[in-house]
Amino acid sequence: MLHADGLTARIGERTLLQALQLQVAPGETVAVLGENGAGKSTLLRLLAGERPAPPLQVQGEVRLDGRVLHRWRALERARRRAVLPQRPEVAFAFSAIEVAQLGRHAAVQRGSARQEYEIAAQALRLTDAWHLAGRDVNTLSGGEQARVHLAAAFAQLWEEQADGPRYLLLDEPTAALDLAHQHGLLLAARAFAARRGIGIVTVLHDLNLAAMYADRVLLLHLGRVLGLGPPASVLSEATVAAGFGVRAHILAHPLVAAPLVATAAAA
């Protein structure tokens, strides 16, 4: 279990997170929603085990498998959780296949060079990025880079058996993607995680993607929890209006079993 217990984060007088409680079980997908500045990325960084640096002050704990996360060694954390940041960067001219292979460095049992290459190749195929394998990742579009970096995260957690629960933390993974790849990426992440019993926490801006692909949604507003639960219970007209300052109307989605959130500017 990944557990945030009373998580509070502040910069000076500004509160980014306020006494947040969250438990994420292996195998479930939780989408974190909220307007800009709601605390979404701060929460994800703390769930990943990132040490707060001044002026950020943090109270509360994040525990993985019952153990406070900052007490895990970096290599141990890397074997139990993978992170796709909002703007991943590569400083050198690595090819896409080399970036995907970087995810394998934390593996408990590494195979031959050929086996490790094949894992990276399969991860690229899962994110529809295999055709980019030989390209310098810094020459790719934003969406193409996002798919390559997600493949590296998949490769990091590739083994189907593990010593404990594992998690995939994604910060706005669909932001640079076209419509088809938004759906494809979230479908691929859910299928990958389901097969391995991996929990997913993903920051999203699209309420309808969250409604379609998340088991639960966490709606933040000014660092506080406005709603937490299944999409159909949290994404009401009142909570969407309160969380985003827009008018909202909830419909039945005509294509899938999920709510469809229609929004317009506040009157």
Protein backbone atom coordinates (compact mmCIF):
# COMPACT_ATOMS: atom_id res chain seq x y z
CA MET A 1 0.00 0.00 0.00
CA LEU A 2 1.16 3.52 -0.82
CA HIS A 3 -0.11 5.76 1.96
CA ALA A 4 -0.01 9.54 2.41
CA ASP A 5 -0.82 10.27 6.04
CA GLY A 6 -1.63 13.83 7.07
CA LEU A 7 0.47 15.27 4.27
CA THR A 8 0.81 19.05 4.56
CA ALA A 9 3.11 21.16 2.37
CA ARG A 10 3.72 24.90 2.63
CA ILE A 11 5.89 27.57 1.08
CA GLY A 12 5.89 30.49 3.50
CA GLU A 13 2.27 31.38 4.19
CA ARG A 14 1.01 29.53 1.13
CA THR A 15 -0.44 26.05 1.70
CA LEU A 16 0.09 23.63 -1.20
CA LEU A 17 -1.38 20.56 0.53
CA GLN A 18 -3.45 20.44 3.70
CA ALA A 19 -3.60 17.32 5.91
CA LEU A 20 -4.06 15.02 2.92
CA GLN A 21 -4.94 11.37 3.44
CA LEU A 22 -4.64 8.94 0.55
CA GLN A 23 -4.19 5.19 0.23
CA VAL A 24 -3.47 3.61 -3.15
CA ALA A 25 -3.77 -0.15 -3.45
CA PRO A 26 -1.73 -2.29 -5.84
CA GLY A 27 -3.61 -2.70 -9.10
CA GLU A 28 -5.82 0.39 -8.86
CA THR A 29 -5.61 3.61 -10.84
CA VAL A 30 -6.12 6.94 -9.06
CA ALA A 31 -6.38 10.13 -11.14
CA VAL A 32 -5.46 13.39 -9.40
CA LEU A 33 -7.45 16.36 -10.67
CA GLY A 34 -7.57 20.06 -9.89
CA GLU A 35 -7.00 23.49 -11.33
CA ASN A 36 -3.52 24.95 -11.72
CA GLY A 37 -1.88 25.37 -8.32
CA ALA A 38 -4.18 22.87 -6.60
CA GLY A 39 -1.21 20.80 -5.35
CA LYS A 40 -1.27 17.93 -7.83
CA SER A 41 2.41 17.88 -8.84
CA THR A 42 3.53 18.56 -5.26
CA LEU A 43 1.57 15.51 -4.13
CA LEU A 44 3.07 13.33 -6.87
CA ARG A 45 6.63 14.40 -6.04
CA LEU A 46 6.12 13.59 -2.37
CA LEU A 47 4.53 10.23 -3.21
CA ALA A 48 7.64 9.50 -5.30
CA GLY A 49 9.87 10.10 -2.28
CA GLU A 50 11.37 13.38 -3.42
CA ARG A 51 13.05 15.17 -0.52
CA PRO A 52 11.50 18.60 0.07
CA ALA A 53 14.01 21.40 -0.39
CA PRO A 54 13.67 24.87 1.15
CA PRO A 55 11.51 26.87 1.01
CA LEU A 56 9.08 23.91 0.84
CA GLN A 57 8.13 22.67 4.30
CA VAL A 58 6.40 19.31 4.67
CA GLN A 59 4.61 17.63 7.54
CA GLY A 60 3.09 14.16 7.62
CA GLU A 61 4.44 10.98 6.10
CA VAL A 62 4.38 8.93 2.95
CA ARG A 63 4.71 5.20 3.56
CA LEU A 64 5.26 2.38 1.13
CA ASP A 65 4.43 -1.08 2.37
CA GLY A 66 4.19 0.35 5.91
CA ARG A 67 7.67 1.92 5.85
CA VAL A 68 8.33 5.66 5.70
CA LEU A 69 9.40 6.33 2.13
CA HIS A 70 12.42 8.54 2.80
CA ARG A 71 13.97 5.70 4.80
CA TRP A 72 14.16 3.54 1.69
CA ARG A 73 17.46 3.59 -0.17
CA ALA A 74 17.26 5.13 -3.63
CA LEU A 75 17.81 1.76 -5.32
CA GLU A 76 15.07 0.15 -3.23
CA ARG A 77 12.63 2.91 -4.16
CA ALA A 78 13.54 2.57 -7.83
CA ARG A 79 12.58 -1.10 -7.71
CA ARG A 80 9.20 -0.33 -6.19
CA ARG A 81 8.06 2.78 -8.01
CA ALA A 82 8.67 4.45 -11.36
CA VAL A 83 8.03 8.12 -12.07
CA LEU A 84 7.19 9.94 -15.30
CA PRO A 85 7.73 13.65 -14.52
CA GLN A 86 5.82 16.41 -16.24
CA ARG A 87 8.78 17.50 -18.35
CA PRO A 88 11.39 14.71 -18.54
CA GLU A 89 14.71 15.81 -19.97
CA VAL A 90 17.70 13.99 -21.42
CA ALA A 91 20.94 15.97 -21.47
CA PHE A 92 22.75 13.76 -23.98
CA ALA A 93 22.03 12.47 -27.47
CA PHE A 94 20.55 9.14 -26.38
CA SER A 95 18.41 7.20 -28.80
CA ALA A 96 14.88 6.21 -27.80
CA ILE A 97 15.94 2.59 -27.25
CA GLU A 98 18.78 3.74 -25.00
CA VAL A 99 16.39 5.87 -22.94
CA ALA A 100 14.07 2.89 -22.55
CA GLN A 101 17.04 0.74 -21.49
CA LEU A 102 17.91 3.25 -18.76
CA GLY A 103 14.82 2.06 -16.93
CA ARG A 104 16.43 -1.34 -16.47
CA HIS A 105 19.34 -0.21 -14.27
CA ALA A 106 17.43 -0.78 -11.03
CA ALA A 107 16.30 -4.32 -11.91
CA VAL A 108 16.95 -6.95 -9.24
CA GLN A 109 17.93 -9.60 -11.76
CA ARG A 110 19.19 -8.35 -15.09
CA GLY A 111 19.48 -10.65 -18.07
CA SER A 112 21.90 -10.69 -20.94
CA ALA A 113 22.41 -7.57 -23.02
CA ARG A 114 20.12 -9.09 -25.63
CA GLN A 115 17.39 -9.81 -23.07
CA GLU A 116 17.58 -6.29 -21.65
CA TYR A 117 17.40 -4.83 -25.15
CA GLU A 118 14.30 -6.91 -25.89
CA ILE A 119 12.56 -5.71 -22.71
CA ALA A 120 13.22 -2.10 -23.73
CA ALA A 121 11.97 -2.87 -27.23
CA GLN A 122 8.76 -4.43 -25.89
CA ALA A 123 8.22 -1.40 -23.64
CA LEU A 124 8.56 0.90 -26.66
CA ARG A 125 6.05 -1.22 -28.55
CA LEU A 126 3.57 -0.88 -25.68
CA THR A 127 3.74 2.91 -25.95
CA ASP A 128 3.63 2.93 -29.77
CA ALA A 129 7.20 4.25 -29.91
CA TRP A 130 9.16 1.33 -31.38
CA HIS A 131 9.44 3.06 -34.74
CA LEU A 132 11.39 5.81 -32.91
CA ALA A 133 13.94 3.40 -31.42
CA GLY A 134 16.95 4.71 -33.33
CA ARG A 135 16.07 8.40 -33.14
CA ASP A 136 17.85 10.91 -30.89
CA VAL A 137 15.21 11.49 -28.21
CA ASN A 138 15.93 15.23 -28.15
CA THR A 139 14.84 15.52 -31.80
CA LEU A 140 11.40 14.03 -31.11
CA SER A 141 8.17 15.94 -30.62
CA GLY A 142 6.84 16.43 -27.10
CA GLY A 143 4.32 13.63 -27.52
CA GLU A 144 6.90 11.24 -28.95
CA GLN A 145 9.26 11.98 -26.06
CA ALA A 146 6.46 11.34 -23.56
CA ARG A 147 5.85 7.90 -25.05
CA VAL A 148 9.57 7.05 -24.95
CA HIS A 149 9.89 8.10 -21.32
CA LEU A 150 6.79 6.11 -20.40
CA ALA A 151 8.44 3.09 -22.01
CA ALA A 152 11.44 3.62 -19.70
CA ALA A 153 9.05 3.64 -16.72
CA PHE A 154 7.46 0.41 -17.96
CA ALA A 155 10.91 -1.16 -18.36
CA GLN A 156 11.79 -0.16 -14.80
CA LEU A 157 8.87 -2.21 -13.43
CA TRP A 158 8.88 -4.89 -16.11
CA GLU A 159 9.14 -8.02 -13.96
CA GLU A 160 5.76 -9.61 -13.37
CA GLN A 161 6.74 -10.84 -9.91
CA ALA A 162 8.05 -8.55 -7.16
CA ASP A 163 8.80 -8.67 -3.45
CA GLY A 164 6.11 -6.13 -2.63
CA PRO A 165 3.62 -3.64 -4.06
CA ARG A 166 4.82 -1.38 -6.86
CA TYR A 167 3.57 1.92 -8.23
CA LEU A 168 3.67 3.96 -11.42
CA LEU A 169 3.47 7.73 -10.85
CA LEU A 170 2.60 9.83 -13.90
CA ASP A 171 2.53 13.64 -13.98
CA GLU A 172 0.30 14.86 -16.83
CA PRO A 173 1.29 11.99 -19.14
CA THR A 174 -1.24 12.95 -21.83
CA ALA A 175 -0.45 16.68 -21.98
CA ALA A 176 1.57 16.56 -25.23
CA LEU A 177 -0.30 13.72 -26.92
CA ASP A 178 -2.82 13.71 -29.73
CA LEU A 179 -6.27 12.31 -29.03
CA ALA A 180 -5.60 8.74 -30.15
CA HIS A 181 -2.37 8.52 -28.15
CA GLN A 182 -4.05 9.94 -25.04
CA HIS A 183 -6.43 6.99 -25.01
CA GLY A 184 -3.74 4.56 -26.13
CA LEU A 185 -1.29 5.58 -23.42
CA LEU A 186 -3.82 5.30 -20.61
CA LEU A 187 -5.08 1.97 -21.93
CA ALA A 188 -1.51 0.68 -22.17
CA ALA A 189 -0.65 1.86 -18.67
CA ARG A 190 -3.73 0.22 -17.16
CA ALA A 191 -3.14 -3.07 -18.99
CA PHE A 192 0.55 -3.08 -18.04
CA ALA A 193 -0.24 -2.35 -14.39
CA ALA A 194 -3.12 -4.82 -14.16
CA ARG A 195 -0.96 -7.69 -15.37
CA ARG A 196 1.68 -6.92 -12.73
CA GLY A 197 -0.53 -5.69 -9.87
CA ILE A 198 0.97 -2.20 -10.05
CA GLY A 199 -0.89 0.81 -8.64
CA ILE A 200 -1.08 3.95 -10.77
CA VAL A 201 -1.32 7.54 -9.58
CA THR A 202 -1.67 9.93 -12.49
CA VAL A 203 -2.17 13.68 -12.66
CA LEU A 204 -4.65 14.58 -15.41
CA HIS A 205 -6.35 17.73 -16.62
CA ASP A 206 -8.99 16.06 -18.77
CA LEU A 207 -11.94 15.14 -16.55
CA ASN A 208 -13.37 12.76 -19.13
CA LEU A 209 -10.13 10.80 -19.47
CA ALA A 210 -10.10 10.47 -15.68
CA ALA A 211 -13.71 9.31 -15.68
CA MET A 212 -12.96 6.68 -18.32
CA TYR A 213 -9.67 5.25 -17.04
CA ALA A 214 -9.47 5.79 -13.27
CA ASP A 215 -10.89 3.55 -10.57
CA ARG A 216 -10.94 6.55 -8.23
CA VAL A 217 -10.38 10.26 -8.66
CA LEU A 218 -8.87 12.66 -6.14
CA LEU A 219 -10.09 16.22 -6.71
CA LEU A 220 -7.91 18.88 -5.08
CA HIS A 221 -8.77 22.52 -4.55
CA LEU A 222 -6.25 24.89 -2.98
CA GLY A 223 -4.40 21.92 -1.53
CA ARG A 224 -7.44 20.38 0.12
CA VAL A 225 -9.41 17.29 -0.83
CA LEU A 226 -12.66 18.32 -2.47
CA GLY A 227 -13.59 14.77 -3.41
CA LEU A 228 -12.15 11.25 -3.37
CA GLY A 229 -13.89 8.20 -4.73
CA PRO A 230 -15.23 6.59 -7.92
CA PRO A 231 -15.50 9.05 -10.83
CA ALA A 232 -19.30 8.87 -10.90
CA SER A 233 -19.53 9.97 -7.26
CA VAL A 234 -16.86 12.69 -7.29
CA LEU A 235 -17.45 14.30 -10.69
CA SER A 236 -20.77 15.92 -9.89
CA GLU A 237 -21.91 19.25 -11.23
CA ALA A 238 -21.37 20.86 -7.83
CA THR A 239 -17.85 19.53 -7.24
CA VAL A 240 -16.65 20.32 -10.77
CA ALA A 241 -18.03 23.85 -10.43
CA ALA A 242 -16.37 24.29 -7.03
CA GLY A 243 -13.06 22.78 -8.11
CA PHE A 244 -12.63 24.54 -11.44
CA GLY A 245 -14.89 27.60 -11.40
CA VAL A 246 -16.94 26.52 -14.40
CA ARG A 247 -20.48 25.45 -15.13
CA ALA A 248 -20.83 21.69 -15.47
CA HIS A 249 -23.40 19.17 -16.58
CA ILE A 250 -22.98 15.41 -16.17
CA LEU A 251 -24.23 13.10 -18.90
CA ALA A 252 -24.09 9.37 -19.57
CA HIS A 253 -21.21 8.67 -21.94
CA PRO A 254 -22.61 7.22 -25.18
CA LEU A 255 -19.58 5.00 -25.88
CA VAL A 256 -18.36 3.68 -22.51
CA ALA A 257 -19.70 3.08 -19.01
CA ALA A 258 -18.50 6.37 -17.54
CA PRO A 259 -19.86 9.82 -16.80
CA LEU A 260 -19.36 12.48 -19.46
CA VAL A 261 -18.54 15.92 -18.07
CA ALA A 262 -19.70 18.87 -20.19
CA THR A 263 -18.34 22.25 -19.10
CA ALA A 264 -18.66 25.90 -20.04
CA ALA A 265 -17.39 29.19 -18.69
CA ALA A 266 -19.01 30.36 -15.49
CA ALA A 267 -21.97 32.64 -16.09
